[in-house]
Structures are given as structure tokens and as C-alpha cells.
C-alpha atoms as a PDB file:
ATOM      1  CA  MET A   1     -21.604  50.126 -26.651  1.00  0.00           C
ATOM      2  CA  ILE A   2     -22.076  46.608 -26.947  1.00  0.00           C
ATOM      3  CA  ARG A   3     -19.960  45.814 -29.784  1.00  0.00           C
ATOM      4  CA  PRO A   4     -16.801  47.042 -27.461  1.00  0.00           C
ATOM      5  CA  LEU A   5     -18.429  44.741 -24.192  1.00  0.00           C
ATOM      6  CA  LEU A   6     -18.243  41.496 -26.785  1.00  0.00           C
ATOM      7  CA  ALA A   7     -15.366  42.299 -28.084  1.00  0.00           C
ATOM      8  CA  LEU A   8     -13.362  43.078 -23.960  1.00  0.00           C
ATOM      9  CA  ILE A   9     -15.535  39.118 -23.295  1.00  0.00           C
ATOM     10  CA  GLY A  10     -13.967  37.102 -26.568  1.00  0.00           C
ATOM     11  CA  ILE A  11     -10.379  38.939 -25.196  1.00  0.00           C
ATOM     12  CA  VAL A  12     -10.911  37.572 -21.961  1.00  0.00           C
ATOM     13  CA  LEU A  13     -12.717  33.885 -23.266  1.00  0.00           C
ATOM     14  CA  LEU A  14      -9.776  33.699 -25.689  1.00  0.00           C
ATOM     15  CA  THR A  15      -6.594  34.354 -22.848  1.00  0.00           C
ATOM     16  CA  ALA A  16      -8.580  31.617 -20.729  1.00  0.00           C
ATOM     17  CA  ALA A  17      -8.365  28.903 -23.629  1.00  0.00           C
ATOM     18  CA  ALA A  18      -4.889  29.151 -24.148  1.00  0.00           C
ATOM     19  CA  PRO A  19      -3.202  26.735 -22.960  1.00  0.00           C
ATOM     20  CA  VAL A  20      -0.129  26.139 -20.406  1.00  0.00           C
ATOM     21  CA  ARG A  21       2.877  24.794 -21.659  1.00  0.00           C
ATOM     22  CA  ASP A  22       3.686  22.131 -20.422  1.00  0.00           C
ATOM     23  CA  TRP A  23       7.992  22.291 -19.987  1.00  0.00           C
ATOM     24  CA  SER A  24       8.174  18.285 -19.286  1.00  0.00           C
ATOM     25  CA  SER A  25       7.893  17.830 -22.496  1.00  0.00           C
ATOM     26  CA  VAL A  26      10.995  20.623 -23.027  1.00  0.00           C
ATOM     27  CA  VAL A  27      14.250  19.059 -23.342  1.00  0.00           C
ATOM     28  CA  THR A  28      17.190  20.881 -24.829  1.00  0.00           C
ATOM     29  CA  ARG A  29      21.394  20.292 -25.187  1.00  0.00           C
ATOM     30  CA  THR A  30      23.571  21.923 -23.664  1.00  0.00           C
ATOM     31  CA  PRO A  31      26.409  23.636 -24.807  1.00  0.00           C
ATOM     32  CA  ALA A  32      29.068  20.805 -22.829  1.00  0.00           C
ATOM     33  CA  GLY A  33      27.098  18.171 -23.891  1.00  0.00           C
ATOM     34  CA  THR A  34      24.266  17.625 -20.432  1.00  0.00           C
ATOM     35  CA  PHE A  35      20.504  17.160 -21.679  1.00  0.00           C
ATOM     36  CA  LEU A  36      18.287  20.310 -19.378  1.00  0.00           C
ATOM     37  CA  ILE A  37      14.509  19.004 -19.306  1.00  0.00           C
ATOM     38  CA  GLY A  38      12.584  22.052 -18.998  1.00  0.00           C
ATOM     39  CA  ASN A  39      12.397  25.808 -19.372  1.00  0.00           C
ATOM     40  CA  PRO A  40      16.188  26.736 -19.747  1.00  0.00           C
ATOM     41  CA  ALA A  41      14.450  30.214 -18.712  1.00  0.00           C
ATOM     42  CA  ALA A  42      13.150  28.444 -15.142  1.00  0.00           C
ATOM     43  CA  ARG A  43      14.290  30.878 -12.036  1.00  0.00           C
ATOM     44  CA  VAL A  44      15.425  27.407 -10.482  1.00  0.00           C
ATOM     45  CA  LYS A  45      17.850  25.808 -11.867  1.00  0.00           C
ATOM     46  CA  LEU A  46      18.706  21.802 -10.213  1.00  0.00           C
ATOM     47  CA  VAL A  47      21.574  20.022 -11.558  1.00  0.00           C
ATOM     48  CA  GLU A  48      21.702  16.250 -10.814  1.00  0.00           C
ATOM     49  CA  TYR A  49      24.485  14.125 -10.430  1.00  0.00           C
ATOM     50  CA  ALA A  50      23.531  10.276 -11.111  1.00  0.00           C
ATOM     51  CA  SER A  51      23.936   7.353 -12.437  1.00  0.00           C
ATOM     52  CA  TYR A  52      22.405   4.551 -13.946  1.00  0.00           C
ATOM     53  CA  THR A  53      23.357   1.697 -11.845  1.00  0.00           C
ATOM     54  CA  CYS A  54      23.250   3.535  -8.424  1.00  0.00           C
ATOM     55  CA  PRO A  55      19.970   2.547  -6.390  1.00  0.00           C
ATOM     56  CA  HIS A  56      19.705   5.350  -5.347  1.00  0.00           C
ATOM     57  CA  CYS A  57      19.170   7.322  -8.104  1.00  0.00           C
ATOM     58  CA  ALA A  58      16.229   4.660  -9.239  1.00  0.00           C
ATOM     59  CA  ALA A  59      14.590   5.518  -5.792  1.00  0.00           C
ATOM     60  CA  PHE A  60      15.057   9.019  -6.052  1.00  0.00           C
ATOM     61  CA  ALA A  61      13.625   9.139 -10.093  1.00  0.00           C
ATOM     62  CA  LYS A  62      10.552   7.339  -8.562  1.00  0.00           C
ATOM     63  CA  GLU A  63       9.598   9.487  -5.557  1.00  0.00           C
ATOM     64  CA  SER A  64      10.485  12.768  -7.505  1.00  0.00           C
ATOM     65  CA  GLU A  65       8.404  12.553 -10.298  1.00  0.00           C
ATOM     66  CA  PRO A  66       4.628  13.395  -9.204  1.00  0.00           C
ATOM     67  CA  VAL A  67       6.258  17.015  -8.196  1.00  0.00           C
ATOM     68  CA  LEU A  68       9.597  17.782  -9.371  1.00  0.00           C
ATOM     69  CA  LYS A  69       8.390  16.574 -13.171  1.00  0.00           C
ATOM     70  CA  ALA A  70       4.623  16.738 -13.072  1.00  0.00           C
ATOM     71  CA  GLN A  71       4.065  19.954 -11.282  1.00  0.00           C
ATOM     72  CA  MET A  72       7.433  22.084 -10.305  1.00  0.00           C
ATOM     73  CA  ILE A  73       8.863  21.142 -13.675  1.00  0.00           C
ATOM     74  CA  ARG A  74       6.061  21.402 -15.734  1.00  0.00           C
ATOM     75  CA  SER A  75       4.468  24.463 -14.916  1.00  0.00           C
ATOM     76  CA  GLY A  76       8.256  26.347 -16.165  1.00  0.00           C
ATOM     77  CA  SER A  77       9.819  27.163 -12.637  1.00  0.00           C
ATOM     78  CA  THR A  78      12.121  24.226 -12.213  1.00  0.00           C
ATOM     79  CA  SER A  79      14.300  22.916 -15.016  1.00  0.00           C
ATOM     80  CA  LEU A  80      16.693  19.685 -14.718  1.00  0.00           C
ATOM     81  CA  GLU A  81      20.382  19.474 -16.065  1.00  0.00           C
ATOM     82  CA  PHE A  82      20.880  15.651 -16.385  1.00  0.00           C
ATOM     83  CA  ARG A  83      24.691  15.216 -15.843  1.00  0.00           C
ATOM     84  CA  ASN A  84      26.435  11.600 -15.718  1.00  0.00           C
ATOM     85  CA  LEU A  85      28.406  10.629 -12.636  1.00  0.00           C
ATOM     86  CA  ILE A  86      29.598   6.550 -14.784  1.00  0.00           C
ATOM     87  CA  ARG A  87      30.628   4.277 -12.191  1.00  0.00           C
ATOM     88  CA  ASP A  88      31.207   1.196 -14.357  1.00  0.00           C
ATOM     89  CA  ARG A  89      30.647  -0.475 -17.821  1.00  0.00           C
ATOM     90  CA  LEU A  90      27.135  -1.145 -17.978  1.00  0.00           C
ATOM     91  CA  ASP A  91      26.303   2.570 -16.747  1.00  0.00           C
ATOM     92  CA  LEU A  92      28.355   3.620 -19.919  1.00  0.00           C
ATOM     93  CA  ALA A  93      26.730   1.820 -22.384  1.00  0.00           C
ATOM     94  CA  ALA A  94      22.929   3.114 -20.391  1.00  0.00           C
ATOM     95  CA  ALA A  95      24.165   6.619 -20.558  1.00  0.00           C
ATOM     96  CA  LEU A  96      24.891   6.428 -24.059  1.00  0.00           C
ATOM     97  CA  LEU A  97      21.435   4.473 -25.482  1.00  0.00           C
ATOM     98  CA  ALA A  98      19.811   7.228 -23.783  1.00  0.00           C
ATOM     99  CA  ARG A  99      21.644   9.865 -25.112  1.00  0.00           C
ATOM    100  CA  CYS A 100      21.141   8.230 -28.259  1.00  0.00           C
ATOM    101  CA  THR A 101      17.514   9.106 -28.401  1.00  0.00           C
ATOM    102  CA  GLY A 102      17.814  12.624 -28.807  1.00  0.00           C
ATOM    103  CA  VAL A 103      16.086  15.942 -27.029  1.00  0.00           C
ATOM    104  CA  HIS A 104      12.983  14.186 -28.014  1.00  0.00           C
ATOM    105  CA  GLY A 105      13.238  10.599 -26.823  1.00  0.00           C
ATOM    106  CA  PHE A 106      15.912  11.683 -23.596  1.00  0.00           C
ATOM    107  CA  ALA A 107      13.763  12.274 -21.115  1.00  0.00           C
ATOM    108  CA  GLY A 108      11.560   9.328 -21.394  1.00  0.00           C
ATOM    109  CA  THR A 109      14.277   7.163 -22.081  1.00  0.00           C
ATOM    110  CA  ASN A 110      15.857   8.281 -18.876  1.00  0.00           C
ATOM    111  CA  ALA A 111      13.289   8.142 -16.869  1.00  0.00           C
ATOM    112  CA  ALA A 112      11.985   4.194 -18.342  1.00  0.00           C
ATOM    113  CA  ILE A 113      16.169   3.568 -17.780  1.00  0.00           C
ATOM    114  CA  PHE A 114      15.639   4.298 -13.797  1.00  0.00           C
ATOM    115  CA  ALA A 115      11.930   2.875 -13.543  1.00  0.00           C
ATOM    116  CA  ALA A 116      13.361  -0.836 -15.232  1.00  0.00           C
ATOM    117  CA  GLN A 117      16.633  -0.732 -13.146  1.00  0.00           C
ATOM    118  CA  GLY A 118      15.306  -3.659 -11.308  1.00  0.00           C
ATOM    119  CA  GLN A 119      14.842  -5.750 -14.048  1.00  0.00           C
ATOM    120  CA  TRP A 120      18.087  -5.142 -15.876  1.00  0.00           C
ATOM    121  CA  LEU A 121      20.748  -3.954 -13.518  1.00  0.00           C
ATOM    122  CA  GLU A 122      21.403  -7.707 -12.226  1.00  0.00           C
ATOM    123  CA  ARG A 123      20.726  -9.237 -15.176  1.00  0.00           C
ATOM    124  CA  GLY A 124      23.745  -6.990 -16.047  1.00  0.00           C
ATOM    125  CA  PHE A 125      26.382  -7.780 -13.511  1.00  0.00           C
ATOM    126  CA  ASP A 126      25.165 -10.895 -14.190  1.00  0.00           C
ATOM    127  CA  TYR A 127      26.596 -10.783 -17.988  1.00  0.00           C
ATOM    128  CA  GLN A 128      29.581  -9.002 -17.036  1.00  0.00           C
ATOM    129  CA  GLU A 129      30.795 -11.625 -14.344  1.00  0.00           C
ATOM    130  CA  SER A 130      30.691 -14.629 -16.575  1.00  0.00           C
ATOM    131  CA  ASN A 131      31.807 -12.641 -19.489  1.00  0.00           C
ATOM    132  CA  GLY A 132      34.064 -10.262 -18.071  1.00  0.00           C
ATOM    133  CA  ALA A 133      37.034 -11.983 -19.023  1.00  0.00           C
ATOM    134  CA  ARG A 134      36.181 -12.896 -22.724  1.00  0.00           C
ATOM    135  CA  LEU A 135      34.703  -9.447 -23.639  1.00  0.00           C
ATOM    136  CA  GLY A 136      37.671  -8.068 -21.899  1.00  0.00           C
ATOM    137  CA  MET A 137      39.801  -8.381 -25.208  1.00  0.00           C
ATOM    138  CA  TYR A 138      37.150  -6.373 -27.303  1.00  0.00           C
ATOM    139  CA  PRO A 139      37.358  -2.836 -28.127  1.00  0.00           C
ATOM    140  CA  VAL A 140      35.095   0.115 -25.372  1.00  0.00           C
ATOM    141  CA  LEU A 141      32.627   0.354 -27.959  1.00  0.00           C
ATOM    142  CA  ALA A 142      32.091  -3.814 -28.626  1.00  0.00           C
ATOM    143  CA  GLN A 143      31.985  -3.975 -24.731  1.00  0.00           C
ATOM    144  CA  LEU A 144      29.502  -1.348 -24.310  1.00  0.00           C
ATOM    145  CA  ARG A 145      27.341  -2.728 -26.560  1.00  0.00           C
ATOM    146  CA  ALA A 146      27.659  -6.501 -25.363  1.00  0.00           C
ATOM    147  CA  TYR A 147      26.728  -5.211 -22.268  1.00  0.00           C
ATOM    148  CA  ALA A 148      23.745  -3.053 -22.703  1.00  0.00           C
ATOM    149  CA  ASP A 149      22.519  -6.284 -25.267  1.00  0.00           C
ATOM    150  CA  GLY A 150      22.776  -8.871 -22.138  1.00  0.00           C
ATOM    151  CA  ALA A 151      21.357  -6.597 -19.526  1.00  0.00           C
ATOM    152  CA  GLY A 152      18.355  -6.178 -21.845  1.00  0.00           C
ATOM    153  CA  LEU A 153      19.041  -1.940 -22.371  1.00  0.00           C
ATOM    154  CA  THR A 154      19.091  -2.644 -26.013  1.00  0.00           C
ATOM    155  CA  ALA A 155      15.934  -3.802 -26.224  1.00  0.00           C
ATOM    156  CA  LEU A 156      14.284  -1.598 -23.957  1.00  0.00           C
ATOM    157  CA  VAL A 157      15.238   1.827 -26.139  1.00  0.00           C
ATOM    158  CA  GLN A 158      13.878  -0.299 -29.047  1.00  0.00           C
ATOM    159  CA  ALA A 159      11.094  -1.016 -27.639  1.00  0.00           C
ATOM    160  CA  ARG A 160      10.293   3.068 -26.964  1.00  0.00           C
ATOM    161  CA  GLY A 161      11.332   3.751 -30.832  1.00  0.00           C
ATOM    162  CA  LEU A 162      15.031   3.446 -31.518  1.00  0.00           C
ATOM    163  CA  SER A 163      15.923   1.665 -34.354  1.00  0.00           C
ATOM    164  CA  PRO A 164      18.498  -0.783 -34.761  1.00  0.00           C
ATOM    165  CA  LYS A 165      20.505   1.276 -37.521  1.00  0.00           C
ATOM    166  CA  ALA A 166      20.624   4.013 -34.698  1.00  0.00           C
ATOM    167  CA  ILE A 167      21.625   1.381 -31.950  1.00  0.00           C
ATOM    168  CA  ASP A 168      24.211   0.177 -33.807  1.00  0.00           C
ATOM    169  CA  ALA A 169      25.263   3.820 -35.005  1.00  0.00           C
ATOM    170  CA  CYS A 170      25.056   4.707 -30.993  1.00  0.00           C
ATOM    171  CA  PHE A 171      27.778   1.873 -30.570  1.00  0.00           C
ATOM    172  CA  ALA A 172      30.431   3.429 -33.421  1.00  0.00           C
ATOM    173  CA  ASP A 173      29.899   6.723 -31.669  1.00  0.00           C
ATOM    174  CA  GLN A 174      33.463   6.725 -29.832  1.00  0.00           C
ATOM    175  CA  ALA A 175      32.878  10.920 -29.616  1.00  0.00           C
ATOM    176  CA  GLU A 176      29.805  10.431 -27.658  1.00  0.00           C
ATOM    177  CA  VAL A 177      31.879   8.191 -25.079  1.00  0.00           C
ATOM    178  CA  ASP A 178      34.618  10.466 -25.002  1.00  0.00           C
ATOM    179  CA  ARG A 179      31.602  13.687 -23.926  1.00  0.00           C
ATOM    180  CA  ILE A 180      30.411  11.777 -21.513  1.00  0.00           C
ATOM    181  CA  LEU A 181      33.434  10.590 -19.757  1.00  0.00           C
ATOM    182  CA  ALA A 182      34.547  14.847 -19.835  1.00  0.00           C
ATOM    183  CA  ILE A 183      31.105  15.127 -18.356  1.00  0.00           C
ATOM    184  CA  SER A 184      31.537  13.142 -15.840  1.00  0.00           C
ATOM    185  CA  SER A 185      35.243  13.970 -15.292  1.00  0.00           C
ATOM    186  CA  ALA A 186      34.551  17.530 -14.446  1.00  0.00           C
ATOM    187  CA  VAL A 187      32.136  16.921 -11.775  1.00  0.00           C
ATOM    188  CA  PRO A 188      32.262  19.262  -8.869  1.00  0.00           C
ATOM    189  CA  ALA A 189      34.825  19.227  -6.222  1.00  0.00           C
ATOM    190  CA  GLY A 190      33.074  17.485  -3.101  1.00  0.00           C
ATOM    191  CA  VAL A 191      30.697  15.338  -4.877  1.00  0.00           C
ATOM    192  CA  ALA A 192      31.372  11.889  -3.740  1.00  0.00           C
ATOM    193  CA  GLY A 193      28.347  10.078  -4.791  1.00  0.00           C
ATOM    194  CA  THR A 194      25.021   9.796  -6.692  1.00  0.00           C
ATOM    195  CA  PRO A 195      22.732  11.328  -6.691  1.00  0.00           C
ATOM    196  CA  ALA A 196      24.174  14.896  -6.293  1.00  0.00           C
ATOM    197  CA  PHE A 197      22.056  18.004  -6.173  1.00  0.00           C
ATOM    198  CA  PHE A 198      22.873  21.750  -6.864  1.00  0.00           C
ATOM    199  CA  VAL A 199      20.006  24.214  -6.876  1.00  0.00           C
ATOM    200  CA  ASN A 200      20.748  27.650  -8.496  1.00  0.00           C
ATOM    201  CA  GLY A 201      25.339  26.633  -8.384  1.00  0.00           C
ATOM    202  CA  LYS A 202      24.762  26.078  -4.740  1.00  0.00           C
ATOM    203  CA  ALA A 203      25.275  21.866  -3.071  1.00  0.00           C
ATOM    204  CA  ILE A 204      22.405  20.465  -1.562  1.00  0.00           C
ATOM    205  CA  PRO A 205      23.888  18.204   0.896  1.00  0.00           C
ATOM    206  CA  THR A 206      21.135  15.013   0.299  1.00  0.00           C
ATOM    207  CA  ALA A 207      20.523  12.012  -1.741  1.00  0.00           C
ATOM    208  CA  ALA A 208      16.714  11.805  -1.580  1.00  0.00           C
ATOM    209  CA  TRP A 209      13.715  14.032  -2.833  1.00  0.00           C
ATOM    210  CA  ALA A 210      12.360  15.217   0.643  1.00  0.00           C
ATOM    211  CA  GLY A 211      15.893  16.640   1.779  1.00  0.00           C
ATOM    212  CA  LEU A 212      15.760  18.701  -1.954  1.00  0.00           C
ATOM    213  CA  GLU A 213      12.170  19.653  -2.173  1.00  0.00           C
ATOM    214  CA  PRO A 214      12.271  22.500   0.600  1.00  0.00           C
ATOM    215  CA  ALA A 215      15.661  23.335  -1.385  1.00  0.00           C
ATOM    216  CA  LEU A 216      13.959  23.646  -4.635  1.00  0.00           C
ATOM    217  CA  ARG A 217      10.316  25.629  -2.921  1.00  0.00           C
ATOM    218  CA  THR A 218      12.607  27.945  -0.450  1.00  0.00           C
ATOM    219  CA  ALA A 219      14.340  28.542  -4.295  1.00  0.00           C
ATOM    220  CA  GLY A 220      11.106  29.465  -5.837  1.00  0.00           C
ATOM    221  CA  ALA A 221       9.525  26.009  -7.851  1.00  0.00           C
ATOM    222  CA  LYS A 222       6.503  25.708  -8.210  1.00  0.00           C
END
């Protein structure tokens, strides 16, 4: 009688001690080439169309992080598929760098680019204004590299561990540029700006976390 009881206690203790998976660190690349953060089988599927040069997108990233990432995505109840909606060459340069960090680096780099937007965006636009005429004669990939360097984006991702060799390869990848632009061109009708959100395929008419959170809760996000 004692042995079965001890065995039962052991099972209970092992179950209680089993770690809960942190889904916020799981990133996959979809067949369309977008990045999905969280549980691919999540009940609540959030799609965000965003631009790295959009101040509203940076504000959303900051405001939503404590609940969206730290609770909803972390728990596995919600996934976030990030889709680029490119606004300008500087945005495209940032998107290329973020995606070049791959599934292991994308979530952190994506967050870091938005968090530092106040530093690199103004610097990038100043650089573009001063050098735009000259850079306009460069091939597109060379333009993107120059904008990334001038804005400080290259230094940002290098500080996060992306090697100079990997950065060079990133700005030689025309196929990836074409893929980003294809994602941006496939935006659904009715999306006029960024950020734009869809929850389980339904458009949510808001650009702010305060408007999106209730829709996620209603869909079952925890």
C-alpha cells in the first residue's frame, strides 16, 4: 500500500515540476516567407501588417509587449505573424536586416529595431536627404546597404550578434528583397496604413493596443 502511494506522490511531483514552455521564444518561417512568433497551433492567430519607419507601429510594439508577448504569446494561446508593409527604402533596409537574423534572431531583432526607432529613424532620414541624389544612381541593394549604414541599423544588428560576413550576404540577396516586396504587395484590400491587424482572419479596426486587446481576449487569448 505504501509503495503505490509513494509512486502516486512521485508522479504528482513530477507533473507539478514539469516546465511550462515559453512560446514567445519560438519563431517559425511560414511558406509565404513571413515570420510567426509563438505557438503555430495557437487558438488565437494575430496577423500584424507593420512598417519599421512607422511611429505608430513602434508605439504599438512598446505598449503591447507586457501583455501580448509576455502573457498571450508566452502561454501558447496566441501567435503573432509579422508581415511587412514597406513604406520606403529605409523601411526595406530594416526589414531585410531583421529577416537576415533568421528564426533564432528575428523576434529579438524586430523588437530592438522598434525600440530604437527614435534614434535611427531621424538619423536615417537626414542621411537620405543629404545623400539621396547620389545614392539614386546605385543599384537597389547598394542603396539599401548605404541607408542601413547611414541610419545606424547595421551597427544595431551587428551588436546583436550578426556578423559582418552575414550582413554582406544579407545585402547581396535580391531574392529576399523580392520576397519582402511580394509580402508587402499582398496586403488585403482595405488596409490603408500601419499597423493593421487581423485576428483569426477578421480585420480589427484599430491601430492601437487598447483597441486590439479586447478583440484578442474575446477570441480566447490568455
